[in-house]
Amino acid sequence: MILSFFFNLPGKSIVCGGTTVNLVADYLKKPLTVDLVYYREDVPPVGNIDGVDLVTEGVLTLTRVKDMLINDAPPGEDAASLVYTMLCAAEEICFVCGVLTAEKKLLLADIVARLQKKSKKVTVLNGESLSER
């Protein structure tokens, strides 16, 4: 249900996190490939799944995105820079999340707050909030 909802949202799609990426590949029945063009030592490479605009690792990449939002860092050539660029280009952002650890909740809350400071309309949905719809 969550993935069906996610893929019916308007706009671009970013999928982050190893478990989620594998679930999405299975859901779409498409293979996951890795693109080493966007690889740095401190940021894992970009993945590709047909039907998804951007595929990345989770915590390491999003921590770098958070740092870029804090410092208004200019984008580079890595997965975090691609996420940062897409988020900054959007007017509305909807994070659709599965189970989040306490660490991931804090990271997401920080990213959301920083995007809202940039006048982005941000919504966060998870399995519980989607079942209420």
N, C-alpha and C. Protein backbone atom coordinates (compact mmCIF):
# COMPACT_ATOMS: atom_id res chain seq x y z
N MET A 1 0.81 -1.19 0.00
CA MET A 1 0.00 0.00 0.00
C MET A 1 0.86 1.26 0.00
N ILE A 2 1.91 1.30 0.81
CA ILE A 2 2.76 2.49 0.88
C ILE A 2 3.41 2.74 -0.48
N LEU A 3 3.92 1.70 -1.12
CA LEU A 3 4.59 1.90 -2.40
C LEU A 3 3.61 2.31 -3.49
N SER A 4 2.42 1.77 -3.48
CA SER A 4 1.40 2.19 -4.43
C SER A 4 1.10 3.68 -4.25
N PHE A 5 0.92 4.10 -3.00
CA PHE A 5 0.69 5.51 -2.70
C PHE A 5 1.86 6.37 -3.19
N PHE A 6 3.08 5.94 -2.86
CA PHE A 6 4.29 6.68 -3.22
C PHE A 6 4.39 6.90 -4.73
N PHE A 7 4.16 5.85 -5.50
CA PHE A 7 4.31 5.97 -6.95
C PHE A 7 3.15 6.67 -7.63
N ASN A 8 2.12 6.99 -6.89
CA ASN A 8 1.03 7.80 -7.43
C ASN A 8 1.12 9.27 -7.05
N LEU A 9 2.15 9.62 -6.29
CA LEU A 9 2.37 11.03 -5.97
C LEU A 9 2.89 11.76 -7.21
N PRO A 10 2.52 13.04 -7.37
CA PRO A 10 3.07 13.80 -8.50
C PRO A 10 4.53 14.16 -8.24
N GLY A 11 5.23 14.45 -9.30
CA GLY A 11 6.61 14.94 -9.16
C GLY A 11 7.65 13.84 -9.24
N LYS A 12 8.83 14.20 -8.82
CA LYS A 12 9.98 13.29 -8.90
C LYS A 12 10.03 12.38 -7.67
N SER A 13 10.66 11.23 -7.85
CA SER A 13 10.76 10.26 -6.75
C SER A 13 12.22 10.00 -6.40
N ILE A 14 12.50 10.04 -5.11
CA ILE A 14 13.81 9.69 -4.58
C ILE A 14 13.58 8.55 -3.59
N VAL A 15 14.34 7.49 -3.72
CA VAL A 15 14.25 6.36 -2.80
C VAL A 15 15.60 6.22 -2.11
N CYS A 16 15.59 6.26 -0.77
CA CYS A 16 16.82 6.18 0.02
C CYS A 16 16.76 5.01 0.98
N GLY A 17 17.88 4.34 1.14
CA GLY A 17 17.99 3.27 2.12
C GLY A 17 18.00 1.90 1.47
N GLY A 18 18.95 1.07 1.87
CA GLY A 18 19.14 -0.23 1.25
C GLY A 18 17.92 -1.13 1.27
N THR A 19 17.27 -1.27 2.41
CA THR A 19 16.09 -2.13 2.51
C THR A 19 14.97 -1.59 1.63
N THR A 20 14.74 -0.29 1.71
CA THR A 20 13.67 0.34 0.92
C THR A 20 13.95 0.21 -0.57
N VAL A 21 15.19 0.42 -0.96
CA VAL A 21 15.57 0.31 -2.37
C VAL A 21 15.26 -1.09 -2.88
N ASN A 22 15.60 -2.11 -2.10
CA ASN A 22 15.33 -3.49 -2.52
C ASN A 22 13.84 -3.78 -2.59
N LEU A 23 13.07 -3.24 -1.65
CA LEU A 23 11.61 -3.41 -1.69
C LEU A 23 11.02 -2.75 -2.93
N VAL A 24 11.52 -1.56 -3.28
CA VAL A 24 11.04 -0.85 -4.46
C VAL A 24 11.39 -1.62 -5.73
N ALA A 25 12.60 -2.14 -5.82
CA ALA A 25 13.00 -2.92 -7.00
C ALA A 25 12.10 -4.14 -7.15
N ASP A 26 11.79 -4.81 -6.05
CA ASP A 26 10.88 -5.96 -6.10
C ASP A 26 9.47 -5.53 -6.51
N TYR A 27 9.00 -4.44 -5.94
CA TYR A 27 7.66 -3.92 -6.24
C TYR A 27 7.53 -3.57 -7.72
N LEU A 28 8.54 -2.91 -8.27
CA LEU A 28 8.51 -2.51 -9.68
C LEU A 28 8.93 -3.64 -10.63
N LYS A 29 9.46 -4.72 -10.04
CA LYS A 29 9.97 -5.85 -10.83
C LYS A 29 11.04 -5.37 -11.82
N LYS A 30 11.92 -4.50 -11.29
CA LYS A 30 13.01 -3.92 -12.08
C LYS A 30 14.32 -4.17 -11.34
N PRO A 31 15.40 -4.37 -12.07
CA PRO A 31 16.68 -4.60 -11.40
C PRO A 31 17.27 -3.30 -10.84
N LEU A 32 18.03 -3.45 -9.78
CA LEU A 32 18.79 -2.35 -9.20
C LEU A 32 20.20 -2.43 -9.75
N THR A 33 20.69 -1.33 -10.28
CA THR A 33 22.08 -1.25 -10.71
C THR A 33 22.75 -0.10 -9.97
N VAL A 34 24.07 -0.13 -9.91
CA VAL A 34 24.83 0.91 -9.21
C VAL A 34 25.61 1.71 -10.24
N ASP A 35 25.59 3.04 -10.08
CA ASP A 35 26.27 3.95 -10.99
C ASP A 35 27.45 4.56 -10.24
N LEU A 36 28.66 4.12 -10.55
CA LEU A 36 29.85 4.59 -9.84
C LEU A 36 30.32 5.96 -10.32
N VAL A 37 29.62 6.56 -11.27
CA VAL A 37 29.97 7.91 -11.72
C VAL A 37 29.82 8.89 -10.57
N TYR A 38 28.79 8.71 -9.75
CA TYR A 38 28.52 9.61 -8.63
C TYR A 38 28.99 8.97 -7.33
N TYR A 39 30.25 8.69 -7.21
CA TYR A 39 30.79 8.04 -6.03
C TYR A 39 31.89 8.90 -5.41
N ARG A 40 31.84 9.04 -4.10
CA ARG A 40 32.91 9.68 -3.32
C ARG A 40 33.19 8.78 -2.14
N GLU A 41 34.36 8.95 -1.53
CA GLU A 41 34.71 8.11 -0.38
C GLU A 41 33.71 8.25 0.76
N ASP A 42 33.18 9.47 0.98
CA ASP A 42 32.30 9.69 2.12
C ASP A 42 30.81 9.61 1.79
N VAL A 43 30.47 9.37 0.52
CA VAL A 43 29.07 9.26 0.10
C VAL A 43 28.93 8.06 -0.83
N PRO A 44 28.10 7.09 -0.47
CA PRO A 44 27.90 5.92 -1.33
C PRO A 44 27.39 6.31 -2.72
N PRO A 45 27.57 5.44 -3.70
CA PRO A 45 27.17 5.77 -5.07
C PRO A 45 25.66 5.79 -5.26
N VAL A 46 25.26 6.29 -6.40
CA VAL A 46 23.86 6.34 -6.82
C VAL A 46 23.48 4.97 -7.37
N GLY A 47 22.24 4.59 -7.13
CA GLY A 47 21.69 3.39 -7.74
C GLY A 47 20.71 3.79 -8.82
N ASN A 48 20.30 2.84 -9.61
CA ASN A 48 19.31 3.08 -10.65
C ASN A 48 18.27 1.97 -10.63
N ILE A 49 17.00 2.38 -10.66
CA ILE A 49 15.87 1.47 -10.86
C ILE A 49 14.97 2.18 -11.86
N ASP A 50 14.65 1.51 -12.95
CA ASP A 50 13.76 2.10 -13.94
C ASP A 50 12.43 2.46 -13.28
N GLY A 51 12.01 3.71 -13.41
CA GLY A 51 10.78 4.17 -12.79
C GLY A 51 11.00 5.02 -11.55
N VAL A 52 12.25 5.16 -11.11
CA VAL A 52 12.60 5.98 -9.95
C VAL A 52 13.60 7.03 -10.42
N ASP A 53 13.37 8.28 -10.05
CA ASP A 53 14.25 9.36 -10.51
C ASP A 53 15.63 9.31 -9.86
N LEU A 54 15.71 8.95 -8.58
CA LEU A 54 17.01 8.90 -7.90
C LEU A 54 16.96 7.84 -6.81
N VAL A 55 18.00 7.01 -6.76
CA VAL A 55 18.12 5.92 -5.79
C VAL A 55 19.44 6.11 -5.05
N THR A 56 19.37 6.16 -3.70
CA THR A 56 20.59 6.34 -2.92
C THR A 56 20.56 5.47 -1.67
N GLU A 57 21.70 5.36 -1.04
CA GLU A 57 21.84 4.79 0.29
C GLU A 57 21.11 5.73 1.24
N GLY A 58 20.92 5.35 2.47
CA GLY A 58 20.13 6.14 3.40
C GLY A 58 20.88 7.09 4.30
N VAL A 59 21.29 6.63 5.48
CA VAL A 59 21.77 7.51 6.54
C VAL A 59 23.01 8.32 6.14
N LEU A 60 24.01 7.70 5.55
CA LEU A 60 25.22 8.44 5.18
C LEU A 60 24.91 9.54 4.17
N THR A 61 24.10 9.21 3.18
CA THR A 61 23.75 10.18 2.14
C THR A 61 22.90 11.31 2.72
N LEU A 62 21.89 10.96 3.52
CA LEU A 62 21.01 11.99 4.07
C LEU A 62 21.70 12.84 5.13
N THR A 63 22.66 12.28 5.84
CA THR A 63 23.45 13.08 6.77
C THR A 63 24.24 14.13 6.00
N ARG A 64 24.78 13.75 4.87
CA ARG A 64 25.52 14.71 4.02
C ARG A 64 24.55 15.76 3.46
N VAL A 65 23.35 15.37 3.09
CA VAL A 65 22.33 16.32 2.62
C VAL A 65 22.03 17.32 3.73
N LYS A 66 21.86 16.83 4.96
CA LYS A 66 21.60 17.72 6.09
C LYS A 66 22.74 18.73 6.24
N ASP A 67 23.98 18.27 6.15
CA ASP A 67 25.13 19.16 6.25
C ASP A 67 25.12 20.21 5.14
N MET A 68 24.73 19.80 3.95
CA MET A 68 24.65 20.74 2.82
C MET A 68 23.56 21.77 3.07
N LEU A 69 22.45 21.36 3.66
CA LEU A 69 21.37 22.31 3.98
C LEU A 69 21.81 23.29 5.07
N ILE A 70 22.58 22.83 6.04
CA ILE A 70 23.08 23.69 7.11
C ILE A 70 24.02 24.75 6.53
N ASN A 71 24.91 24.32 5.65
CA ASN A 71 25.97 25.20 5.15
C ASN A 71 25.66 25.84 3.81
N ASP A 72 24.45 25.60 3.28
CA ASP A 72 24.12 26.05 1.92
C ASP A 72 25.26 25.71 0.96
N ALA A 73 25.74 24.48 1.09
CA ALA A 73 26.87 24.03 0.29
C ALA A 73 26.49 23.89 -1.17
N PRO A 74 27.35 24.34 -2.05
CA PRO A 74 27.07 24.13 -3.48
C PRO A 74 27.16 22.65 -3.81
N PRO A 75 26.29 22.19 -4.69
CA PRO A 75 26.31 20.77 -5.03
C PRO A 75 27.62 20.34 -5.69
N GLY A 76 27.98 19.12 -5.44
CA GLY A 76 29.15 18.52 -6.07
C GLY A 76 28.69 17.45 -7.05
N GLU A 77 29.47 16.43 -7.17
CA GLU A 77 29.16 15.32 -8.09
C GLU A 77 29.01 14.04 -7.28
N ASP A 78 27.98 13.95 -6.46
CA ASP A 78 27.75 12.75 -5.66
C ASP A 78 26.26 12.61 -5.37
N ALA A 79 25.89 11.48 -4.79
CA ALA A 79 24.47 11.19 -4.52
C ALA A 79 23.83 12.24 -3.62
N ALA A 80 24.52 12.67 -2.58
CA ALA A 80 23.96 13.67 -1.66
C ALA A 80 23.70 14.99 -2.39
N SER A 81 24.59 15.36 -3.28
CA SER A 81 24.40 16.60 -4.05
C SER A 81 23.19 16.50 -4.97
N LEU A 82 22.97 15.32 -5.52
CA LEU A 82 21.79 15.13 -6.38
C LEU A 82 20.51 15.24 -5.56
N VAL A 83 20.49 14.64 -4.37
CA VAL A 83 19.32 14.75 -3.49
C VAL A 83 19.11 16.20 -3.09
N TYR A 84 20.17 16.86 -2.66
CA TYR A 84 20.12 18.27 -2.25
C TYR A 84 19.54 19.14 -3.37
N THR A 85 20.03 18.95 -4.57
CA THR A 85 19.58 19.74 -5.72
C THR A 85 18.09 19.51 -5.99
N MET A 86 17.66 18.25 -5.94
CA MET A 86 16.24 17.95 -6.18
C MET A 86 15.35 18.54 -5.09
N LEU A 87 15.78 18.44 -3.83
CA LEU A 87 14.99 18.98 -2.73
C LEU A 87 14.90 20.51 -2.83
N CYS A 88 16.00 21.15 -3.16
CA CYS A 88 16.01 22.62 -3.24
C CYS A 88 15.21 23.12 -4.43
N ALA A 89 15.07 22.31 -5.47
CA ALA A 89 14.31 22.70 -6.66
C ALA A 89 12.80 22.54 -6.46
N ALA A 90 12.42 21.72 -5.48
CA ALA A 90 11.00 21.43 -5.26
C ALA A 90 10.34 22.50 -4.40
N GLU A 91 9.07 22.74 -4.67
CA GLU A 91 8.28 23.63 -3.81
C GLU A 91 7.61 22.83 -2.70
N GLU A 92 7.16 21.62 -3.05
CA GLU A 92 6.52 20.72 -2.08
C GLU A 92 7.28 19.41 -2.05
N ILE A 93 7.46 18.89 -0.84
CA ILE A 93 8.20 17.65 -0.65
C ILE A 93 7.39 16.75 0.27
N CYS A 94 7.24 15.50 -0.12
CA CYS A 94 6.55 14.52 0.71
C CYS A 94 7.50 13.37 1.00
N PHE A 95 7.87 13.21 2.25
CA PHE A 95 8.68 12.08 2.67
C PHE A 95 7.72 10.96 3.05
N VAL A 96 7.86 9.82 2.40
CA VAL A 96 7.06 8.64 2.72
C VAL A 96 8.03 7.65 3.36
N CYS A 97 7.83 7.37 4.63
CA CYS A 97 8.79 6.60 5.41
C CYS A 97 8.21 5.30 5.92
N GLY A 98 9.10 4.34 6.06
CA GLY A 98 8.74 3.11 6.72
C GLY A 98 9.08 3.24 8.19
N VAL A 99 9.60 2.18 8.78
CA VAL A 99 9.98 2.18 10.18
C VAL A 99 11.27 2.98 10.33
N LEU A 100 11.26 3.93 11.28
CA LEU A 100 12.43 4.76 11.51
C LEU A 100 12.97 4.54 12.91
N THR A 101 14.27 4.35 13.00
CA THR A 101 14.92 4.30 14.31
C THR A 101 14.92 5.71 14.89
N ALA A 102 15.25 5.82 16.16
CA ALA A 102 15.33 7.14 16.80
C ALA A 102 16.33 8.03 16.07
N GLU A 103 17.47 7.46 15.68
CA GLU A 103 18.49 8.23 14.95
C GLU A 103 17.94 8.75 13.63
N LYS A 104 17.22 7.91 12.90
CA LYS A 104 16.67 8.32 11.61
C LYS A 104 15.56 9.36 11.77
N LYS A 105 14.77 9.23 12.84
CA LYS A 105 13.73 10.23 13.11
C LYS A 105 14.35 11.61 13.34
N LEU A 106 15.43 11.65 14.11
CA LEU A 106 16.12 12.92 14.37
C LEU A 106 16.70 13.51 13.09
N LEU A 107 17.31 12.66 12.28
CA LEU A 107 17.88 13.12 11.01
C LEU A 107 16.79 13.68 10.12
N LEU A 108 15.68 12.96 10.00
CA LEU A 108 14.57 13.42 9.17
C LEU A 108 13.99 14.74 9.70
N ALA A 109 13.82 14.83 11.01
CA ALA A 109 13.28 16.06 11.61
C ALA A 109 14.18 17.25 11.31
N ASP A 110 15.48 17.05 11.37
CA ASP A 110 16.43 18.12 11.09
C ASP A 110 16.35 18.54 9.62
N ILE A 111 16.28 17.58 8.72
CA ILE A 111 16.17 17.89 7.29
C ILE A 111 14.86 18.63 7.02
N VAL A 112 13.77 18.15 7.60
CA VAL A 112 12.47 18.80 7.39
C VAL A 112 12.51 20.24 7.88
N ALA A 113 13.06 20.47 9.08
CA ALA A 113 13.13 21.83 9.62
C ALA A 113 13.95 22.74 8.72
N ARG A 114 15.04 22.25 8.20
CA ARG A 114 15.90 23.07 7.34
C ARG A 114 15.24 23.35 5.99
N LEU A 115 14.49 22.39 5.48
CA LEU A 115 13.75 22.63 4.23
C LEU A 115 12.63 23.65 4.46
N GLN A 116 11.96 23.56 5.60
CA GLN A 116 10.90 24.51 5.91
C GLN A 116 11.46 25.93 6.05
N LYS A 117 12.67 26.06 6.57
CA LYS A 117 13.32 27.37 6.65
C LYS A 117 13.58 27.94 5.25
N LYS A 118 13.66 27.05 4.27
CA LYS A 118 13.84 27.47 2.88
C LYS A 118 12.48 27.64 2.18
N SER A 119 11.42 27.73 2.99
CA SER A 119 10.05 27.95 2.50
C SER A 119 9.51 26.80 1.67
N LYS A 120 9.96 25.59 1.96
CA LYS A 120 9.43 24.40 1.29
C LYS A 120 8.23 23.89 2.09
N LYS A 121 7.20 23.45 1.39
CA LYS A 121 6.07 22.80 2.05
C LYS A 121 6.45 21.32 2.18
N VAL A 122 6.57 20.86 3.42
CA VAL A 122 7.06 19.49 3.65
C VAL A 122 6.01 18.70 4.42
N THR A 123 5.74 17.50 3.94
CA THR A 123 4.84 16.55 4.59
C THR A 123 5.64 15.28 4.86
N VAL A 124 5.43 14.69 6.02
CA VAL A 124 6.05 13.40 6.34
C VAL A 124 4.94 12.41 6.61
N LEU A 125 4.94 11.32 5.88
CA LEU A 125 3.96 10.25 6.05
C LEU A 125 4.69 8.95 6.34
N ASN A 126 4.05 8.12 7.16
CA ASN A 126 4.57 6.78 7.40
C ASN A 126 3.42 5.80 7.28
N GLY A 127 3.69 4.54 7.54
CA GLY A 127 2.66 3.52 7.40
C GLY A 127 1.42 3.80 8.23
N GLU A 128 1.61 4.30 9.47
CA GLU A 128 0.47 4.60 10.33
C GLU A 128 -0.37 5.73 9.78
N SER A 129 0.27 6.81 9.34
CA SER A 129 -0.50 7.95 8.84
C SER A 129 -1.18 7.61 7.51
N LEU A 130 -0.59 6.71 6.74
CA LEU A 130 -1.22 6.32 5.47
C LEU A 130 -2.43 5.43 5.70
N SER A 131 -2.37 4.60 6.73
CA SER A 131 -3.52 3.72 7.00
C SER A 131 -4.71 4.52 7.51
N GLU A 132 -4.46 5.72 8.02
CA GLU A 132 -5.54 6.58 8.50
C GLU A 132 -6.24 7.31 7.34
N ARG A 133 -5.66 7.31 6.16
CA ARG A 133 -6.20 8.03 5.02
C ARG A 133 -7.33 7.26 4.37
